[in-house]
């Protein structure tokens, strides 16, 4: 008769591995950096102001409103500049709304929009009977010169230059309103100095005025890039490319 195997009297070890080896700790997940496209550049904490130059008649209102909403930590200061010295003024501000032509390789220039030229005259003038005027319609008229002329010289055969010294746009329009001559300006300037005793008509075939944004190439700062984005209609999360 075969003998039955002896049962072990001590504790039974089913796995010789130590407890720590049987249940090894989990490997911690590797840390990965999250890539955020078009993330805003870190802003400097130093107080600063964005200085925007603007020639007379430029209309940056909607862009300024967008700036205040998007860049509340950076106040925007609007600095009036004259066309005659706009190139020098650009070096004194962060960026400027100017009138072309402005040829300078040291500048970035982005053309924005064009303005039609208009003839401003007294409300009693026969010129206002027409919806539009041509150069020939102005024959016999006295043309008042501007001290800061946004359009430059205009060939108007048959007209006479005013004998008075060149005037500011506001004074020239006031003089035209009195019936003494006419003045030719971009439409925005006629609207800027609107008077009840004067009105204007588009000068068909006259020189247009192009308003542009300009700034020095060597000073393309994050603030300038932000304003360029606003002018070009980019949203806060749009790519700068």
C-alpha atoms as a PDB file:
ATOM      1  CA  UNK A   1       0.000   0.000   0.000  1.00  0.00           C
ATOM      2  CA  UNK A   2       1.493   3.340  -1.079  1.00  0.00           C
ATOM      3  CA  UNK A   3       2.231   5.963   1.494  1.00  0.00           C
ATOM      4  CA  UNK A   4       0.302   9.274   1.316  1.00  0.00           C
ATOM      5  CA  UNK A   5       2.510  12.349   0.798  1.00  0.00           C
ATOM      6  CA  UNK A   6       3.113  14.363   3.898  1.00  0.00           C
ATOM      7  CA  UNK A   7       1.352  17.709   4.071  1.00  0.00           C
ATOM      8  CA  UNK A   8       3.576  20.671   4.862  1.00  0.00           C
ATOM      9  CA  UNK A   9       3.152  21.868   8.372  1.00  0.00           C
ATOM     10  CA  UNK A  10       4.479  25.404   7.835  1.00  0.00           C
ATOM     11  CA  UNK A  11       3.054  28.362   5.826  1.00  0.00           C
ATOM     12  CA  UNK A  12       2.773  27.848   2.120  1.00  0.00           C
ATOM     13  CA  UNK A  13       4.595  30.439  -0.047  1.00  0.00           C
ATOM     14  CA  UNK A  14       3.096  30.466  -3.486  1.00  0.00           C
ATOM     15  CA  UNK A  15       5.397  33.182  -4.903  1.00  0.00           C
ATOM     16  CA  UNK A  16       8.944  33.597  -3.862  1.00  0.00           C
ATOM     17  CA  UNK A  17       8.947  37.252  -4.956  1.00  0.00           C
ATOM     18  CA  UNK A  18       8.835  39.837  -2.188  1.00  0.00           C
ATOM     19  CA  UNK A  19       5.542  41.760  -1.844  1.00  0.00           C
ATOM     20  CA  UNK A  20       7.134  44.896  -3.238  1.00  0.00           C
ATOM     21  CA  UNK A  21       8.241  42.975  -6.300  1.00  0.00           C
ATOM     22  CA  UNK A  22       4.866  41.380  -6.850  1.00  0.00           C
ATOM     23  CA  UNK A  23       3.187  44.791  -6.940  1.00  0.00           C
ATOM     24  CA  UNK A  24       5.741  47.171  -8.505  1.00  0.00           C
ATOM     25  CA  UNK A  25       4.889  50.901  -8.307  1.00  0.00           C
ATOM     26  CA  UNK A  26       3.315  52.500 -11.360  1.00  0.00           C
ATOM     27  CA  UNK A  27       5.653  54.506 -13.568  1.00  0.00           C
ATOM     28  CA  UNK A  28       4.684  58.179 -13.300  1.00  0.00           C
ATOM     29  CA  UNK A  29       3.453  59.621 -16.612  1.00  0.00           C
ATOM     30  CA  UNK A  30       5.931  61.697 -18.553  1.00  0.00           C
ATOM     31  CA  UNK A  31       5.335  65.416 -18.401  1.00  0.00           C
ATOM     32  CA  UNK A  32       4.709  66.977 -21.781  1.00  0.00           C
ATOM     33  CA  UNK A  33       4.555  70.662 -22.561  1.00  0.00           C
ATOM     34  CA  UNK A  34       1.263  71.793 -24.008  1.00  0.00           C
ATOM     35  CA  UNK A  35       1.555  73.622 -27.302  1.00  0.00           C
ATOM     36  CA  UNK A  36      -0.783  76.588 -27.644  1.00  0.00           C
ATOM     37  CA  UNK A  37      -1.005  78.045 -31.104  1.00  0.00           C
ATOM     38  CA  UNK A  38      -1.285  81.825 -31.408  1.00  0.00           C
ATOM     39  CA  UNK A  39      -0.813  82.218 -27.673  1.00  0.00           C
ATOM     40  CA  UNK A  40      -0.434  85.889 -26.784  1.00  0.00           C
ATOM     41  CA  UNK A  41       3.100  87.068 -26.195  1.00  0.00           C
ATOM     42  CA  UNK A  42       3.903  87.722 -22.551  1.00  0.00           C
ATOM     43  CA  UNK A  43       3.332  91.371 -21.898  1.00  0.00           C
ATOM     44  CA  UNK A  44       5.835  93.540 -20.102  1.00  0.00           C
ATOM     45  CA  UNK A  45       4.629  94.632 -16.704  1.00  0.00           C
ATOM     46  CA  UNK A  46       6.237  98.064 -17.097  1.00  0.00           C
ATOM     47  CA  UNK A  47       3.661 100.844 -17.554  1.00  0.00           C
ATOM     48  CA  UNK A  48       3.668 102.116 -21.132  1.00  0.00           C
ATOM     49  CA  UNK A  49       1.529 104.074 -23.581  1.00  0.00           C
ATOM     50  CA  UNK A  50       0.950 103.385 -27.271  1.00  0.00           C
ATOM     51  CA  UNK A  51       1.321 106.695 -29.137  1.00  0.00           C
ATOM     52  CA  UNK A  52      -0.566 106.828 -32.428  1.00  0.00           C
ATOM     53  CA  UNK A  53       0.016 109.778 -34.728  1.00  0.00           C
ATOM     54  CA  UNK A  54      -2.801 110.838 -37.055  1.00  0.00           C
ATOM     55  CA  UNK A  55      -3.084 113.411 -39.814  1.00  0.00           C
ATOM     56  CA  UNK A  56      -6.183 115.577 -39.994  1.00  0.00           C
ATOM     57  CA  UNK A  57      -9.179 113.701 -41.367  1.00  0.00           C
ATOM     58  CA  UNK A  58      -7.916 110.225 -40.468  1.00  0.00           C
ATOM     59  CA  UNK A  59     -10.627 108.250 -38.708  1.00  0.00           C
ATOM     60  CA  UNK A  60      -9.110 105.717 -36.283  1.00  0.00           C
ATOM     61  CA  UNK A  61     -12.102 105.668 -33.923  1.00  0.00           C
ATOM     62  CA  UNK A  62     -13.125 102.028 -34.433  1.00  0.00           C
ATOM     63  CA  UNK A  63      -9.501 100.881 -34.174  1.00  0.00           C
ATOM     64  CA  UNK A  64      -9.013 102.819 -30.950  1.00  0.00           C
ATOM     65  CA  UNK A  65     -12.161 101.225 -29.507  1.00  0.00           C
ATOM     66  CA  UNK A  66     -10.859  97.773 -30.448  1.00  0.00           C
ATOM     67  CA  UNK A  67      -7.487  98.610 -28.872  1.00  0.00           C
ATOM     68  CA  UNK A  68      -9.116  99.636 -25.578  1.00  0.00           C
ATOM     69  CA  UNK A  69     -11.009  96.354 -25.500  1.00  0.00           C
ATOM     70  CA  UNK A  70      -8.071  94.152 -26.478  1.00  0.00           C
ATOM     71  CA  UNK A  71      -5.230  96.015 -24.745  1.00  0.00           C
ATOM     72  CA  UNK A  72      -6.769  97.619 -21.648  1.00  0.00           C
ATOM     73  CA  UNK A  73      -3.422  97.566 -19.842  1.00  0.00           C
ATOM     74  CA  UNK A  74      -1.834  99.882 -22.444  1.00  0.00           C
ATOM     75  CA  UNK A  75      -3.390 103.357 -22.800  1.00  0.00           C
ATOM     76  CA  UNK A  76      -3.492 104.756 -26.361  1.00  0.00           C
ATOM     77  CA  UNK A  77      -2.561 108.397 -26.901  1.00  0.00           C
ATOM     78  CA  UNK A  78      -3.702 110.014 -30.161  1.00  0.00           C
ATOM     79  CA  UNK A  79      -1.147 112.553 -31.414  1.00  0.00           C
ATOM     80  CA  UNK A  80      -2.225 115.013 -34.169  1.00  0.00           C
ATOM     81  CA  UNK A  81       0.431 115.444 -36.887  1.00  0.00           C
ATOM     82  CA  UNK A  82       0.743 117.647 -39.958  1.00  0.00           C
ATOM     83  CA  UNK A  83       1.140 116.224 -43.436  1.00  0.00           C
ATOM     84  CA  UNK A  84       4.046 118.588 -44.040  1.00  0.00           C
ATOM     85  CA  UNK A  85       6.084 117.017 -41.244  1.00  0.00           C
ATOM     86  CA  UNK A  86       4.562 113.555 -41.042  1.00  0.00           C
ATOM     87  CA  UNK A  87       7.846 111.801 -41.836  1.00  0.00           C
ATOM     88  CA  UNK A  88       9.591 113.425 -38.878  1.00  0.00           C
ATOM     89  CA  UNK A  89       6.552 112.842 -36.666  1.00  0.00           C
ATOM     90  CA  UNK A  90       6.664 109.079 -37.304  1.00  0.00           C
ATOM     91  CA  UNK A  91       9.939 108.910 -35.375  1.00  0.00           C
ATOM     92  CA  UNK A  92       8.226 110.502 -32.357  1.00  0.00           C
ATOM     93  CA  UNK A  93       5.360 107.995 -32.049  1.00  0.00           C
ATOM     94  CA  UNK A  94       4.898 104.221 -32.121  1.00  0.00           C
ATOM     95  CA  UNK A  95       2.955 104.304 -35.411  1.00  0.00           C
ATOM     96  CA  UNK A  96       1.085 106.895 -37.440  1.00  0.00           C
ATOM     97  CA  UNK A  97      -1.827 107.303 -39.826  1.00  0.00           C
ATOM     98  CA  UNK A  98      -0.349 109.320 -42.689  1.00  0.00           C
ATOM     99  CA  UNK A  99      -1.180 110.431 -46.210  1.00  0.00           C
ATOM    100  CA  UNK A 100       0.713 108.985 -49.161  1.00  0.00           C
ATOM    101  CA  UNK A 101       3.003 109.391 -50.967  1.00  0.00           C
ATOM    102  CA  UNK A 102       5.608 108.575 -48.362  1.00  0.00           C
ATOM    103  CA  UNK A 103       8.602 106.813 -49.864  1.00  0.00           C
ATOM    104  CA  UNK A 104      11.132 105.684 -47.272  1.00  0.00           C
ATOM    105  CA  UNK A 105      12.736 102.244 -47.106  1.00  0.00           C
ATOM    106  CA  UNK A 106      13.211 102.666 -43.352  1.00  0.00           C
ATOM    107  CA  UNK A 107       9.441 102.495 -42.865  1.00  0.00           C
ATOM    108  CA  UNK A 108       6.774  99.842 -42.987  1.00  0.00           C
ATOM    109  CA  UNK A 109       3.789 101.327 -44.852  1.00  0.00           C
ATOM    110  CA  UNK A 110       0.347  99.726 -45.164  1.00  0.00           C
ATOM    111  CA  UNK A 111      -2.153 101.516 -47.401  1.00  0.00           C
ATOM    112  CA  UNK A 112      -5.586 101.503 -45.737  1.00  0.00           C
ATOM    113  CA  UNK A 113      -8.144 103.441 -47.793  1.00  0.00           C
ATOM    114  CA  UNK A 114      -8.544 106.248 -50.311  1.00  0.00           C
ATOM    115  CA  UNK A 115     -10.465 109.493 -49.970  1.00  0.00           C
ATOM    116  CA  UNK A 116     -12.162 111.430 -52.735  1.00  0.00           C
ATOM    117  CA  UNK A 117     -11.338 115.117 -53.216  1.00  0.00           C
ATOM    118  CA  UNK A 118     -14.191 117.580 -52.748  1.00  0.00           C
ATOM    119  CA  UNK A 119     -14.781 121.253 -53.515  1.00  0.00           C
ATOM    120  CA  UNK A 120     -16.074 123.235 -50.537  1.00  0.00           C
ATOM    121  CA  UNK A 121     -18.079 126.367 -51.332  1.00  0.00           C
ATOM    122  CA  UNK A 122     -20.681 128.656 -49.816  1.00  0.00           C
ATOM    123  CA  UNK A 123     -24.199 127.236 -49.701  1.00  0.00           C
ATOM    124  CA  UNK A 124     -25.169 130.113 -51.996  1.00  0.00           C
ATOM    125  CA  UNK A 125     -22.640 129.125 -54.675  1.00  0.00           C
ATOM    126  CA  UNK A 126     -23.937 128.051 -58.087  1.00  0.00           C
ATOM    127  CA  UNK A 127     -21.415 125.191 -57.947  1.00  0.00           C
ATOM    128  CA  UNK A 128     -23.600 123.283 -55.523  1.00  0.00           C
ATOM    129  CA  UNK A 129     -26.368 122.942 -58.104  1.00  0.00           C
ATOM    130  CA  UNK A 130     -24.439 119.978 -59.552  1.00  0.00           C
ATOM    131  CA  UNK A 131     -24.079 116.576 -57.926  1.00  0.00           C
ATOM    132  CA  UNK A 132     -20.412 116.401 -58.927  1.00  0.00           C
ATOM    133  CA  UNK A 133     -17.906 118.882 -60.296  1.00  0.00           C
ATOM    134  CA  UNK A 134     -15.104 118.697 -62.832  1.00  0.00           C
ATOM    135  CA  UNK A 135     -12.024 120.875 -63.189  1.00  0.00           C
ATOM    136  CA  UNK A 136     -13.718 122.801 -66.011  1.00  0.00           C
ATOM    137  CA  UNK A 137     -16.632 123.667 -63.709  1.00  0.00           C
ATOM    138  CA  UNK A 138     -14.237 125.643 -61.521  1.00  0.00           C
ATOM    139  CA  UNK A 139     -13.111 128.012 -64.264  1.00  0.00           C
ATOM    140  CA  UNK A 140     -13.269 131.580 -62.969  1.00  0.00           C
ATOM    141  CA  UNK A 141     -13.181 130.521 -59.313  1.00  0.00           C
ATOM    142  CA  UNK A 142     -10.635 131.631 -56.713  1.00  0.00           C
ATOM    143  CA  UNK A 143      -8.964 128.660 -55.046  1.00  0.00           C
ATOM    144  CA  UNK A 144      -7.856 129.116 -51.449  1.00  0.00           C
ATOM    145  CA  UNK A 145      -4.493 127.541 -50.648  1.00  0.00           C
ATOM    146  CA  UNK A 146      -3.927 125.422 -47.527  1.00  0.00           C
ATOM    147  CA  UNK A 147      -0.965 125.765 -45.183  1.00  0.00           C
ATOM    148  CA  UNK A 148      -0.888 121.982 -44.673  1.00  0.00           C
ATOM    149  CA  UNK A 149      -2.092 120.748 -48.049  1.00  0.00           C
ATOM    150  CA  UNK A 150      -3.060 117.029 -48.024  1.00  0.00           C
ATOM    151  CA  UNK A 151      -3.571 116.853 -51.808  1.00  0.00           C
ATOM    152  CA  UNK A 152      -0.632 118.809 -53.173  1.00  0.00           C
ATOM    153  CA  UNK A 153      -0.709 120.993 -56.285  1.00  0.00           C
ATOM    154  CA  UNK A 154      -3.751 120.488 -58.558  1.00  0.00           C
ATOM    155  CA  UNK A 155      -3.927 121.654 -62.168  1.00  0.00           C
ATOM    156  CA  UNK A 156      -7.109 123.719 -62.504  1.00  0.00           C
ATOM    157  CA  UNK A 157      -7.009 125.762 -65.720  1.00  0.00           C
ATOM    158  CA  UNK A 158      -8.993 128.987 -65.585  1.00  0.00           C
ATOM    159  CA  UNK A 159      -8.879 129.310 -61.804  1.00  0.00           C
ATOM    160  CA  UNK A 160      -7.098 131.985 -59.771  1.00  0.00           C
ATOM    161  CA  UNK A 161      -5.038 131.399 -56.642  1.00  0.00           C
ATOM    162  CA  UNK A 162      -6.167 133.415 -53.630  1.00  0.00           C
ATOM    163  CA  UNK A 163      -3.913 136.374 -52.885  1.00  0.00           C
ATOM    164  CA  UNK A 164      -3.987 135.693 -49.141  1.00  0.00           C
ATOM    165  CA  UNK A 165      -1.425 133.535 -47.376  1.00  0.00           C
ATOM    166  CA  UNK A 166      -2.226 129.818 -47.137  1.00  0.00           C
ATOM    167  CA  UNK A 167      -4.739 129.073 -44.384  1.00  0.00           C
ATOM    168  CA  UNK A 168      -5.495 126.171 -42.095  1.00  0.00           C
ATOM    169  CA  UNK A 169      -8.216 123.852 -43.375  1.00  0.00           C
ATOM    170  CA  UNK A 170     -10.671 125.221 -40.806  1.00  0.00           C
ATOM    171  CA  UNK A 171      -9.982 128.864 -41.738  1.00  0.00           C
ATOM    172  CA  UNK A 172     -10.007 128.101 -45.463  1.00  0.00           C
ATOM    173  CA  UNK A 173     -13.426 126.452 -45.222  1.00  0.00           C
ATOM    174  CA  UNK A 174     -14.723 129.381 -43.167  1.00  0.00           C
ATOM    175  CA  UNK A 175     -13.457 131.762 -45.869  1.00  0.00           C
ATOM    176  CA  UNK A 176     -15.095 129.674 -48.602  1.00  0.00           C
ATOM    177  CA  UNK A 177     -18.332 129.749 -46.611  1.00  0.00           C
ATOM    178  CA  UNK A 178     -18.283 133.536 -46.783  1.00  0.00           C
ATOM    179  CA  UNK A 179     -18.366 133.315 -50.577  1.00  0.00           C
ATOM    180  CA  UNK A 180     -14.739 134.300 -51.115  1.00  0.00           C
ATOM    181  CA  UNK A 181     -13.370 131.442 -53.198  1.00  0.00           C
ATOM    182  CA  UNK A 182     -13.454 127.675 -52.872  1.00  0.00           C
ATOM    183  CA  UNK A 183     -11.185 125.133 -51.206  1.00  0.00           C
ATOM    184  CA  UNK A 184     -10.330 121.594 -52.315  1.00  0.00           C
ATOM    185  CA  UNK A 185      -9.720 118.993 -49.605  1.00  0.00           C
ATOM    186  CA  UNK A 186     -10.210 115.265 -48.947  1.00  0.00           C
ATOM    187  CA  UNK A 187     -13.820 114.533 -48.017  1.00  0.00           C
ATOM    188  CA  UNK A 188     -12.989 113.671 -44.404  1.00  0.00           C
ATOM    189  CA  UNK A 189     -11.567 117.161 -43.818  1.00  0.00           C
ATOM    190  CA  UNK A 190     -14.676 118.785 -45.268  1.00  0.00           C
ATOM    191  CA  UNK A 191     -16.733 116.691 -42.861  1.00  0.00           C
ATOM    192  CA  UNK A 192     -14.394 117.447 -39.966  1.00  0.00           C
ATOM    193  CA  UNK A 193     -14.946 121.210 -40.403  1.00  0.00           C
ATOM    194  CA  UNK A 194     -18.596 121.007 -41.432  1.00  0.00           C
ATOM    195  CA  UNK A 195     -20.523 124.294 -41.336  1.00  0.00           C
ATOM    196  CA  UNK A 196     -24.146 125.176 -41.978  1.00  0.00           C
ATOM    197  CA  UNK A 197     -23.122 127.942 -44.382  1.00  0.00           C
ATOM    198  CA  UNK A 198     -20.900 125.696 -46.543  1.00  0.00           C
ATOM    199  CA  UNK A 199     -21.267 122.445 -48.446  1.00  0.00           C
ATOM    200  CA  UNK A 200     -19.146 120.327 -50.771  1.00  0.00           C
ATOM    201  CA  UNK A 201     -19.259 118.356 -54.002  1.00  0.00           C
ATOM    202  CA  UNK A 202     -16.937 115.589 -55.208  1.00  0.00           C
ATOM    203  CA  UNK A 203     -14.305 116.770 -57.694  1.00  0.00           C
ATOM    204  CA  UNK A 204     -14.525 114.131 -60.419  1.00  0.00           C
ATOM    205  CA  UNK A 205     -11.124 113.209 -61.787  1.00  0.00           C
ATOM    206  CA  UNK A 206      -9.348 115.022 -58.960  1.00  0.00           C
ATOM    207  CA  UNK A 207      -6.446 113.528 -57.003  1.00  0.00           C
ATOM    208  CA  UNK A 208      -7.432 111.024 -54.339  1.00  0.00           C
ATOM    209  CA  UNK A 209      -5.690 110.885 -50.973  1.00  0.00           C
ATOM    210  CA  UNK A 210      -4.510 107.521 -49.635  1.00  0.00           C
ATOM    211  CA  UNK A 211      -4.416 107.110 -45.863  1.00  0.00           C
ATOM    212  CA  UNK A 212      -1.829 104.601 -44.646  1.00  0.00           C
ATOM    213  CA  UNK A 213      -0.362 103.206 -41.445  1.00  0.00           C
ATOM    214  CA  UNK A 214       3.395 103.693 -41.125  1.00  0.00           C
ATOM    215  CA  UNK A 215       6.070 102.946 -38.535  1.00  0.00           C
ATOM    216  CA  UNK A 216       9.873 102.495 -38.449  1.00  0.00           C
ATOM    217  CA  UNK A 217      10.971  98.981 -39.422  1.00  0.00           C
ATOM    218  CA  UNK A 218      13.450  98.847 -36.563  1.00  0.00           C
ATOM    219  CA  UNK A 219      10.676  99.511 -34.043  1.00  0.00           C
ATOM    220  CA  UNK A 220       8.209  96.751 -34.889  1.00  0.00           C
ATOM    221  CA  UNK A 221       7.248  96.075 -31.274  1.00  0.00           C
ATOM    222  CA  UNK A 222       4.567  93.666 -29.993  1.00  0.00           C
ATOM    223  CA  UNK A 223       2.318  96.700 -29.430  1.00  0.00           C
ATOM    224  CA  UNK A 224       2.759  97.802 -33.039  1.00  0.00           C
ATOM    225  CA  UNK A 225       1.997  94.261 -34.223  1.00  0.00           C
ATOM    226  CA  UNK A 226      -1.130  94.263 -32.064  1.00  0.00           C
ATOM    227  CA  UNK A 227      -2.324  97.518 -33.646  1.00  0.00           C
ATOM    228  CA  UNK A 228      -1.553  96.260 -37.147  1.00  0.00           C
ATOM    229  CA  UNK A 229      -3.658  93.189 -36.374  1.00  0.00           C
ATOM    230  CA  UNK A 230      -6.550  95.392 -35.292  1.00  0.00           C
ATOM    231  CA  UNK A 231      -6.303  97.533 -38.414  1.00  0.00           C
ATOM    232  CA  UNK A 232      -6.261  94.427 -40.615  1.00  0.00           C
ATOM    233  CA  UNK A 233      -9.330  93.046 -38.882  1.00  0.00           C
ATOM    234  CA  UNK A 234      -7.707  90.151 -37.062  1.00  0.00           C
ATOM    235  CA  UNK A 235      -9.380  88.796 -33.950  1.00  0.00           C
ATOM    236  CA  UNK A 236      -7.512  88.405 -30.668  1.00  0.00           C
ATOM    237  CA  UNK A 237      -6.885  84.699 -31.443  1.00  0.00           C
ATOM    238  CA  UNK A 238      -5.926  85.111 -35.092  1.00  0.00           C
ATOM    239  CA  UNK A 239      -2.532  84.079 -36.375  1.00  0.00           C
ATOM    240  CA  UNK A 240      -0.104  86.885 -37.089  1.00  0.00           C
ATOM    241  CA  UNK A 241       0.935  85.228 -40.333  1.00  0.00           C
END
